[in-house]
Amino acid sequence: VTDFDMVPRQDLATSPRSLVSRRLVTRHNRAPARSLDARPLYSELGMKIDHLETIHLRFEYADGFRYAGGKCTARVTTLVKVHTDDGRCGIGSVYSHPGLVELVVRHQLDPLLRGDDPTDVEALWWKMYRLTRWYGRKGAAMSAIGAIDTACWDLLGQLRGQPVWKLL
């Protein structure tokens, strides 16, 4: 389990971009303690999650194909969009049952995350996990959490002008 603390850089202490992350690692299966002055990089912007959106996609194969479990005739996936109050949008995806994803994202996680800072990715992950862990430590619920997590990282990458892989 890792957590990111934001600490001021001495050379640019007045800019929102003047914070750098320091990774803290714990050995326990719980959220690491955060220092009192820890804050996400762009929290000064006041950006908040407005709502989550799901878009279900289905691709039909003309003839399908056989595999060990039978015949596959189509693939489904769900895009999850995290919309912010300032008009930004981050995108993640889920490869799971669309109905279950819809239930978890729209009816449980959307109301939970509205108004939260989407750049505080670690705190959001723990908040979602704590809500769903009694029924969703694997499967569609965990996949939905992963899609929202990816969408928040996408937003952070947009804000920093960098690809997500450089932020990880």
C-alpha atoms as a PDB file:
ATOM      1  CA  VAL A   1       0.000   0.000   0.000  1.00  0.00           C
ATOM      2  CA  THR A   2       1.394   3.363  -0.916  1.00  0.00           C
ATOM      3  CA  ASP A   3       0.352   6.907  -0.183  1.00  0.00           C
ATOM      4  CA  PHE A   4       1.592  10.192  -1.527  1.00  0.00           C
ATOM      5  CA  ASP A   5       2.385  13.169   0.656  1.00  0.00           C
ATOM      6  CA  MET A   6       2.788  16.495  -1.051  1.00  0.00           C
ATOM      7  CA  VAL A   7       5.660  18.622   0.172  1.00  0.00           C
ATOM      8  CA  PRO A   8       6.577  22.153  -0.968  1.00  0.00           C
ATOM      9  CA  ARG A   9       9.572  22.618  -3.237  1.00  0.00           C
ATOM     10  CA  GLN A  10      11.792  25.405  -2.038  1.00  0.00           C
ATOM     11  CA  ASP A  11      12.353  26.949  -5.467  1.00  0.00           C
ATOM     12  CA  LEU A  12       8.706  27.386  -6.488  1.00  0.00           C
ATOM     13  CA  ALA A  13       6.852  27.607  -3.184  1.00  0.00           C
ATOM     14  CA  THR A  14       4.171  30.017  -4.422  1.00  0.00           C
ATOM     15  CA  SER A  15       2.866  28.074  -7.436  1.00  0.00           C
ATOM     16  CA  PRO A  16       0.300  25.199  -7.339  1.00  0.00           C
ATOM     17  CA  ARG A  17       2.865  23.240  -9.356  1.00  0.00           C
ATOM     18  CA  SER A  18       5.422  23.743  -6.607  1.00  0.00           C
ATOM     19  CA  LEU A  19       4.476  20.591  -4.761  1.00  0.00           C
ATOM     20  CA  VAL A  20       6.283  17.319  -5.288  1.00  0.00           C
ATOM     21  CA  SER A  21       5.274  13.901  -4.057  1.00  0.00           C
ATOM     22  CA  ARG A  22       7.080  11.751  -1.529  1.00  0.00           C
ATOM     23  CA  ARG A  23       5.959   8.127  -1.484  1.00  0.00           C
ATOM     24  CA  LEU A  24       5.232   6.586   1.898  1.00  0.00           C
ATOM     25  CA  VAL A  25       4.977   2.812   2.170  1.00  0.00           C
ATOM     26  CA  THR A  26       3.224   0.847   4.895  1.00  0.00           C
ATOM     27  CA  ARG A  27       3.203  -2.863   5.597  1.00  0.00           C
ATOM     28  CA  HIS A  28      -0.378  -2.998   6.796  1.00  0.00           C
ATOM     29  CA  ASN A  29      -3.584  -3.505   4.832  1.00  0.00           C
ATOM     30  CA  ARG A  30      -5.009  -0.145   5.835  1.00  0.00           C
ATOM     31  CA  ALA A  31      -4.860   3.419   4.646  1.00  0.00           C
ATOM     32  CA  PRO A  32      -1.547   5.014   5.662  1.00  0.00           C
ATOM     33  CA  ALA A  33      -1.677   7.963   8.020  1.00  0.00           C
ATOM     34  CA  ARG A  34      -1.350  11.288   6.231  1.00  0.00           C
ATOM     35  CA  SER A  35       0.513  14.223   7.678  1.00  0.00           C
ATOM     36  CA  LEU A  36      -1.571  17.265   8.569  1.00  0.00           C
ATOM     37  CA  ASP A  37      -0.057  19.410   5.815  1.00  0.00           C
ATOM     38  CA  ALA A  38      -0.492  16.792   3.082  1.00  0.00           C
ATOM     39  CA  ARG A  39      -2.662  17.871   0.184  1.00  0.00           C
ATOM     40  CA  PRO A  40      -3.092  16.874  -3.436  1.00  0.00           C
ATOM     41  CA  LEU A  41      -1.213  18.828  -6.062  1.00  0.00           C
ATOM     42  CA  TYR A  42      -4.135  20.750  -7.540  1.00  0.00           C
ATOM     43  CA  SER A  43      -6.429  21.080  -4.530  1.00  0.00           C
ATOM     44  CA  GLU A  44      -5.870  24.837  -4.667  1.00  0.00           C
ATOM     45  CA  LEU A  45      -7.891  24.923  -7.898  1.00  0.00           C
ATOM     46  CA  GLY A  46     -11.006  23.878  -6.001  1.00  0.00           C
ATOM     47  CA  MET A  47     -11.953  21.348  -8.692  1.00  0.00           C
ATOM     48  CA  LYS A  48     -14.627  18.920  -7.512  1.00  0.00           C
ATOM     49  CA  ILE A  49     -16.247  15.810  -8.932  1.00  0.00           C
ATOM     50  CA  ASP A  50     -19.605  16.781 -10.436  1.00  0.00           C
ATOM     51  CA  HIS A  51     -20.831  13.352 -11.542  1.00  0.00           C
ATOM     52  CA  LEU A  52     -19.833   9.977 -12.956  1.00  0.00           C
ATOM     53  CA  GLU A  53     -21.068   8.654 -16.296  1.00  0.00           C
ATOM     54  CA  THR A  54     -21.060   5.132 -17.720  1.00  0.00           C
ATOM     55  CA  ILE A  55     -21.065   4.310 -21.430  1.00  0.00           C
ATOM     56  CA  HIS A  56     -21.595   0.663 -22.345  1.00  0.00           C
ATOM     57  CA  LEU A  57     -19.931  -0.588 -25.525  1.00  0.00           C
ATOM     58  CA  ARG A  58     -20.564  -3.850 -27.367  1.00  0.00           C
ATOM     59  CA  PHE A  59     -18.640  -5.262 -30.320  1.00  0.00           C
ATOM     60  CA  GLU A  60     -20.298  -8.045 -32.303  1.00  0.00           C
ATOM     61  CA  TYR A  61     -18.094 -10.577 -34.106  1.00  0.00           C
ATOM     62  CA  ALA A  62     -19.431 -11.538 -37.553  1.00  0.00           C
ATOM     63  CA  ASP A  63     -18.804 -15.260 -37.062  1.00  0.00           C
ATOM     64  CA  GLY A  64     -17.592 -15.349 -33.500  1.00  0.00           C
ATOM     65  CA  PHE A  65     -14.863 -17.685 -32.353  1.00  0.00           C
ATOM     66  CA  ARG A  66     -14.575 -20.798 -30.240  1.00  0.00           C
ATOM     67  CA  TYR A  67     -12.638 -21.008 -27.004  1.00  0.00           C
ATOM     68  CA  ALA A  68     -12.501 -23.411 -24.050  1.00  0.00           C
ATOM     69  CA  GLY A  69     -15.703 -21.944 -22.568  1.00  0.00           C
ATOM     70  CA  GLY A  70     -17.777 -22.203 -25.756  1.00  0.00           C
ATOM     71  CA  LYS A  71     -18.349 -19.682 -28.524  1.00  0.00           C
ATOM     72  CA  CYS A  72     -17.764 -15.949 -28.195  1.00  0.00           C
ATOM     73  CA  THR A  73     -19.993 -13.774 -30.394  1.00  0.00           C
ATOM     74  CA  ALA A  74     -19.420 -10.360 -28.810  1.00  0.00           C
ATOM     75  CA  ARG A  75     -17.291  -8.348 -26.378  1.00  0.00           C
ATOM     76  CA  VAL A  76     -18.564  -5.777 -23.905  1.00  0.00           C
ATOM     77  CA  THR A  77     -16.801  -3.056 -21.987  1.00  0.00           C
ATOM     78  CA  THR A  78     -17.859   0.054 -20.114  1.00  0.00           C
ATOM     79  CA  LEU A  79     -16.233   3.466 -20.207  1.00  0.00           C
ATOM     80  CA  VAL A  80     -16.460   5.428 -16.976  1.00  0.00           C
ATOM     81  CA  LYS A  81     -16.174   9.203 -17.168  1.00  0.00           C
ATOM     82  CA  VAL A  82     -15.441  11.383 -14.151  1.00  0.00           C
ATOM     83  CA  HIS A  83     -16.848  14.857 -14.830  1.00  0.00           C
ATOM     84  CA  THR A  84     -15.679  17.840 -12.785  1.00  0.00           C
ATOM     85  CA  ASP A  85     -17.459  21.059 -11.918  1.00  0.00           C
ATOM     86  CA  ASP A  86     -15.093  23.029 -14.179  1.00  0.00           C
ATOM     87  CA  GLY A  87     -15.963  20.973 -17.285  1.00  0.00           C
ATOM     88  CA  ARG A  88     -13.005  18.573 -17.337  1.00  0.00           C
ATOM     89  CA  CYS A  89     -13.478  14.868 -17.920  1.00  0.00           C
ATOM     90  CA  GLY A  90     -11.277  11.865 -17.169  1.00  0.00           C
ATOM     91  CA  ILE A  91     -11.914   8.436 -18.698  1.00  0.00           C
ATOM     92  CA  GLY A  92     -11.364   4.907 -17.398  1.00  0.00           C
ATOM     93  CA  SER A  93     -12.680   1.531 -18.582  1.00  0.00           C
ATOM     94  CA  VAL A  94     -14.131  -1.630 -17.067  1.00  0.00           C
ATOM     95  CA  TYR A  95     -14.227  -5.085 -18.620  1.00  0.00           C
ATOM     96  CA  SER A  96     -17.016  -6.599 -16.570  1.00  0.00           C
ATOM     97  CA  HIS A  97     -20.779  -7.146 -16.634  1.00  0.00           C
ATOM     98  CA  PRO A  98     -22.341  -3.816 -17.733  1.00  0.00           C
ATOM     99  CA  GLY A  99     -25.344  -4.094 -15.405  1.00  0.00           C
ATOM    100  CA  LEU A 100     -23.172  -4.646 -12.348  1.00  0.00           C
ATOM    101  CA  VAL A 101     -20.831  -1.821 -13.341  1.00  0.00           C
ATOM    102  CA  GLU A 102     -23.821   0.500 -13.779  1.00  0.00           C
ATOM    103  CA  LEU A 103     -25.159  -0.435 -10.356  1.00  0.00           C
ATOM    104  CA  VAL A 104     -21.862   0.097  -8.556  1.00  0.00           C
ATOM    105  CA  VAL A 105     -20.777   3.268 -10.383  1.00  0.00           C
ATOM    106  CA  ARG A 106     -24.041   5.164 -10.793  1.00  0.00           C
ATOM    107  CA  HIS A 107     -25.899   4.093  -7.674  1.00  0.00           C
ATOM    108  CA  GLN A 108     -23.155   3.704  -5.085  1.00  0.00           C
ATOM    109  CA  LEU A 109     -19.909   5.430  -6.032  1.00  0.00           C
ATOM    110  CA  ASP A 110     -21.345   8.478  -7.832  1.00  0.00           C
ATOM    111  CA  PRO A 111     -23.227   9.787  -4.770  1.00  0.00           C
ATOM    112  CA  LEU A 112     -20.229   8.970  -2.563  1.00  0.00           C
ATOM    113  CA  LEU A 113     -17.690  10.926  -4.647  1.00  0.00           C
ATOM    114  CA  ARG A 114     -19.677  14.026  -5.661  1.00  0.00           C
ATOM    115  CA  GLY A 115     -17.958  17.124  -4.357  1.00  0.00           C
ATOM    116  CA  ASP A 116     -14.619  15.387  -3.721  1.00  0.00           C
ATOM    117  CA  ASP A 117     -11.280  16.487  -5.181  1.00  0.00           C
ATOM    118  CA  PRO A 118     -10.529  14.148  -8.127  1.00  0.00           C
ATOM    119  CA  THR A 119      -6.787  14.789  -7.832  1.00  0.00           C
ATOM    120  CA  ASP A 120      -6.680  13.183  -4.378  1.00  0.00           C
ATOM    121  CA  VAL A 121      -6.546   9.784  -6.080  1.00  0.00           C
ATOM    122  CA  GLU A 122      -5.283   7.740  -3.138  1.00  0.00           C
ATOM    123  CA  ALA A 123      -7.928   9.049  -0.716  1.00  0.00           C
ATOM    124  CA  LEU A 124     -10.694   8.449  -3.261  1.00  0.00           C
ATOM    125  CA  TRP A 125      -9.543   4.856  -3.815  1.00  0.00           C
ATOM    126  CA  TRP A 126      -9.673   4.127  -0.093  1.00  0.00           C
ATOM    127  CA  LYS A 127     -13.076   5.809   0.229  1.00  0.00           C
ATOM    128  CA  MET A 128     -14.492   3.647  -2.590  1.00  0.00           C
ATOM    129  CA  TYR A 129     -12.856   0.499  -1.262  1.00  0.00           C
ATOM    130  CA  ARG A 130     -14.229   1.022   2.256  1.00  0.00           C
ATOM    131  CA  LEU A 131     -17.769   1.416   0.901  1.00  0.00           C
ATOM    132  CA  THR A 132     -17.647  -1.668  -1.326  1.00  0.00           C
ATOM    133  CA  ARG A 133     -15.333  -4.071   0.527  1.00  0.00           C
ATOM    134  CA  TRP A 134     -18.089  -6.029   2.241  1.00  0.00           C
ATOM    135  CA  TYR A 135     -19.351  -7.226  -1.146  1.00  0.00           C
ATOM    136  CA  GLY A 136     -16.734  -6.228  -3.704  1.00  0.00           C
ATOM    137  CA  ARG A 137     -13.167  -7.200  -2.908  1.00  0.00           C
ATOM    138  CA  LYS A 138     -13.030  -8.728  -6.369  1.00  0.00           C
ATOM    139  CA  GLY A 139     -15.079  -8.795  -9.540  1.00  0.00           C
ATOM    140  CA  ALA A 140     -17.262  -6.009 -10.932  1.00  0.00           C
ATOM    141  CA  ALA A 141     -17.020  -3.714  -7.890  1.00  0.00           C
ATOM    142  CA  MET A 142     -13.221  -3.749  -7.815  1.00  0.00           C
ATOM    143  CA  SER A 143     -13.135  -3.290 -11.598  1.00  0.00           C
ATOM    144  CA  ALA A 144     -15.456  -0.269 -11.285  1.00  0.00           C
ATOM    145  CA  ILE A 145     -13.154   1.220  -8.649  1.00  0.00           C
ATOM    146  CA  GLY A 146     -10.250   0.675 -11.031  1.00  0.00           C
ATOM    147  CA  ALA A 147     -12.047   2.530 -13.828  1.00  0.00           C
ATOM    148  CA  ILE A 148     -12.774   5.539 -11.610  1.00  0.00           C
ATOM    149  CA  ASP A 149      -9.205   5.455 -10.326  1.00  0.00           C
ATOM    150  CA  THR A 150      -7.923   5.458 -13.926  1.00  0.00           C
ATOM    151  CA  ALA A 151     -10.242   8.340 -14.830  1.00  0.00           C
ATOM    152  CA  CYS A 152      -8.930  10.386 -11.883  1.00  0.00           C
ATOM    153  CA  TRP A 153      -5.351   9.671 -12.948  1.00  0.00           C
ATOM    154  CA  ASP A 154      -6.378  10.757 -16.456  1.00  0.00           C
ATOM    155  CA  LEU A 155      -7.607  14.078 -15.028  1.00  0.00           C
ATOM    156  CA  LEU A 156      -4.370  14.509 -13.091  1.00  0.00           C
ATOM    157  CA  GLY A 157      -2.370  13.801 -16.259  1.00  0.00           C
ATOM    158  CA  GLN A 158      -4.395  16.406 -18.146  1.00  0.00           C
ATOM    159  CA  LEU A 159      -3.754  18.980 -15.411  1.00  0.00           C
ATOM    160  CA  ARG A 160      -0.020  18.296 -15.348  1.00  0.00           C
ATOM    161  CA  GLY A 161       0.269  17.991 -19.122  1.00  0.00           C
ATOM    162  CA  GLN A 162       1.852  14.543 -18.817  1.00  0.00           C
ATOM    163  CA  PRO A 163       0.865  10.988 -19.708  1.00  0.00           C
ATOM    164  CA  VAL A 164      -0.367   8.937 -16.756  1.00  0.00           C
ATOM    165  CA  TRP A 165       2.523   6.468 -16.988  1.00  0.00           C
ATOM    166  CA  LYS A 166       4.910   9.302 -16.073  1.00  0.00           C
ATOM    167  CA  LEU A 167       2.855  10.128 -12.975  1.00  0.00           C
ATOM    168  CA  LEU A 168       2.886   6.596 -11.567  1.00  0.00           C
END
